[in-house]
Amino acid sequence: MNKNLILAVVFILVIIGGIYLFYPTKPSNKNSLASITPTQAIKLPEKSQGIILTKSGFEPSEIKVKVKTLVVWINKSGGPATVNSDNHPTHLLYPFLNLGEFANESSVQVKFDSPGRYTYHNHLNPEQKGTVVVE
């Protein structure tokens, strides 16, 4: 009887080990720009423009880009920040520009599909403002 119990336990352990070993894991969906460490260089894709958020604000505070340009905001402020459409605090002017909160050393991005003058700010520090002019 003890021999059958031992064989059953071994069989169950083999099954569990096989499932663990061969069961597929979920692929990582991490955005490569969102997982940047401080020592990594940031390479922007072609037809893109970068804006750095520092403790003193967005640099540059105004950029001019062509339609279909990807704009990437990179947080180097030392803390969490946001990119939100004006007007503060409702953020209703350009809803697609409400990119939400992003951690220090990470980024958010959006592609501008239409010409215009798009104003935004850091909701956590509304004095930090910027403009994207799309031609």
Protein backbone atom coordinates (compact mmCIF):
# COMPACT_ATOMS: atom_id res chain seq x y z
CA MET A 1 0.00 0.00 0.00
CA ASN A 2 2.82 2.42 0.83
CA LYS A 3 4.46 1.58 -2.48
CA ASN A 4 1.30 2.60 -4.41
CA LEU A 5 1.06 5.86 -2.46
CA ILE A 6 4.70 6.71 -3.19
CA LEU A 7 4.22 5.93 -6.90
CA ALA A 8 1.10 8.12 -7.02
CA VAL A 9 2.93 11.05 -5.39
CA VAL A 10 5.88 10.67 -7.77
CA PHE A 11 3.50 10.51 -10.75
CA ILE A 12 1.71 13.70 -9.64
CA LEU A 13 5.03 15.51 -9.14
CA VAL A 14 6.17 14.47 -12.63
CA ILE A 15 2.90 15.78 -14.13
CA ILE A 16 3.19 19.09 -12.26
CA GLY A 17 6.85 19.44 -13.28
CA GLY A 18 5.97 18.77 -16.92
CA ILE A 19 3.19 21.34 -16.91
CA TYR A 20 5.48 23.93 -15.36
CA LEU A 21 8.28 23.16 -17.81
CA PHE A 22 6.23 23.05 -21.01
CA TYR A 23 3.33 25.41 -20.28
CA PRO A 24 3.75 28.55 -22.45
CA THR A 25 4.36 31.81 -20.64
CA LYS A 26 2.71 35.06 -21.62
CA PRO A 27 4.86 37.30 -23.83
CA SER A 28 6.04 40.57 -22.38
CA ASN A 29 4.14 43.61 -23.66
CA LYS A 30 6.49 46.17 -22.17
CA ASN A 31 7.07 49.26 -24.23
CA SER A 32 10.83 49.46 -24.81
CA LEU A 33 10.83 53.21 -24.15
CA ALA A 34 8.87 52.76 -20.92
CA SER A 35 11.51 50.49 -19.41
CA ILE A 36 14.59 52.64 -19.94
CA THR A 37 17.19 52.59 -17.21
CA PRO A 38 19.22 55.73 -16.48
CA THR A 39 22.32 54.37 -18.20
CA GLN A 40 20.64 53.39 -21.47
CA ALA A 41 20.82 55.64 -24.49
CA ILE A 42 17.48 56.56 -25.98
CA LYS A 43 17.12 55.96 -29.70
CA LEU A 44 14.12 57.63 -31.25
CA PRO A 45 12.48 56.10 -34.32
CA GLU A 46 12.77 57.83 -37.68
CA LYS A 47 10.25 60.65 -38.17
CA SER A 48 10.08 61.32 -34.46
CA GLN A 49 10.88 64.20 -32.15
CA GLY A 50 11.87 63.99 -28.49
CA ILE A 51 10.94 66.32 -25.65
CA ILE A 52 12.71 65.98 -22.29
CA LEU A 53 10.88 66.82 -19.08
CA THR A 54 13.35 68.13 -16.49
CA LYS A 55 12.73 69.60 -13.05
CA SER A 56 12.40 73.01 -14.70
CA GLY A 57 9.93 71.95 -17.41
CA PHE A 58 9.62 70.62 -20.95
CA GLU A 59 12.71 71.12 -23.15
CA PRO A 60 12.14 72.40 -25.72
CA SER A 61 8.89 73.99 -24.62
CA GLU A 62 7.78 74.36 -28.26
CA ILE A 63 8.55 72.15 -31.25
CA LYS A 64 7.53 72.19 -34.90
CA VAL A 65 6.96 68.86 -36.62
CA LYS A 66 5.46 67.49 -39.81
CA VAL A 67 2.15 65.60 -39.93
CA LYS A 68 2.55 61.89 -38.98
CA THR A 69 5.52 62.65 -36.70
CA LEU A 70 5.79 60.62 -33.50
CA VAL A 71 6.50 62.87 -30.51
CA VAL A 72 8.13 61.17 -27.51
CA TRP A 73 8.20 62.76 -24.05
CA ILE A 74 11.02 61.44 -21.85
CA ASN A 75 10.78 62.02 -18.11
CA LYS A 76 14.09 63.11 -16.57
CA SER A 77 12.46 65.19 -13.81
CA GLY A 78 13.33 62.91 -10.91
CA GLY A 79 9.70 62.00 -10.18
CA PRO A 80 6.39 61.07 -11.76
CA ALA A 81 4.88 63.44 -14.32
CA THR A 82 2.07 63.62 -16.87
CA VAL A 83 1.43 64.87 -20.37
CA ASN A 84 -2.10 66.23 -20.54
CA SER A 85 -4.01 68.38 -23.00
CA ASP A 86 -4.88 71.91 -22.04
CA ASN A 87 -6.99 73.37 -20.46
CA HIS A 88 -6.02 72.55 -16.89
CA PRO A 89 -7.60 70.81 -15.00
CA THR A 90 -10.21 69.42 -17.45
CA HIS A 91 -7.84 68.32 -20.27
CA LEU A 92 -10.65 68.50 -22.84
CA LEU A 93 -8.98 70.52 -25.61
CA TYR A 94 -7.13 67.59 -27.28
CA PRO A 95 -8.25 64.29 -25.66
CA PHE A 96 -5.72 62.19 -27.63
CA LEU A 97 -2.98 64.15 -25.88
CA ASN A 98 -4.01 62.92 -22.40
CA LEU A 99 -1.15 60.46 -22.09
CA GLY A 100 -1.38 60.07 -18.33
CA GLU A 101 1.24 59.64 -15.65
CA PHE A 102 4.67 58.25 -16.42
CA ALA A 103 7.55 57.50 -14.09
CA ASN A 104 10.97 59.10 -14.02
CA GLU A 105 13.25 57.59 -16.70
CA SER A 106 10.27 56.42 -18.77
CA SER A 107 8.41 57.88 -21.73
CA VAL A 108 5.05 58.39 -23.41
CA GLN A 109 4.39 59.10 -27.07
CA VAL A 110 1.77 60.10 -29.60
CA LYS A 111 1.68 60.51 -33.38
CA PHE A 112 0.24 63.80 -34.64
CA ASP A 113 -2.02 63.10 -37.63
CA SER A 114 -3.41 66.60 -38.27
CA PRO A 115 -1.90 70.07 -38.63
CA GLY A 116 -2.47 72.44 -35.74
CA ARG A 117 -1.12 74.01 -32.59
CA TYR A 118 -1.41 71.60 -29.66
CA THR A 119 -0.81 72.84 -26.11
CA TYR A 120 -0.19 70.58 -23.14
CA HIS A 121 1.06 70.61 -19.56
CA ASN A 122 2.20 68.41 -16.68
CA HIS A 123 -0.93 67.99 -14.57
CA LEU A 124 1.19 67.31 -11.47
CA ASN A 125 2.99 70.64 -12.02
CA PRO A 126 0.72 72.78 -14.27
CA GLU A 127 3.31 75.54 -14.64
CA GLN A 128 5.28 73.13 -16.85
CA LYS A 129 3.78 73.75 -20.29
CA GLY A 130 4.57 72.96 -23.88
CA THR A 131 3.35 73.29 -27.45
CA VAL A 132 3.58 71.05 -30.49
CA VAL A 133 3.07 72.87 -33.80
CA VAL A 134 2.18 70.41 -36.57
CA GLU A 135 2.62 71.64 -40.15
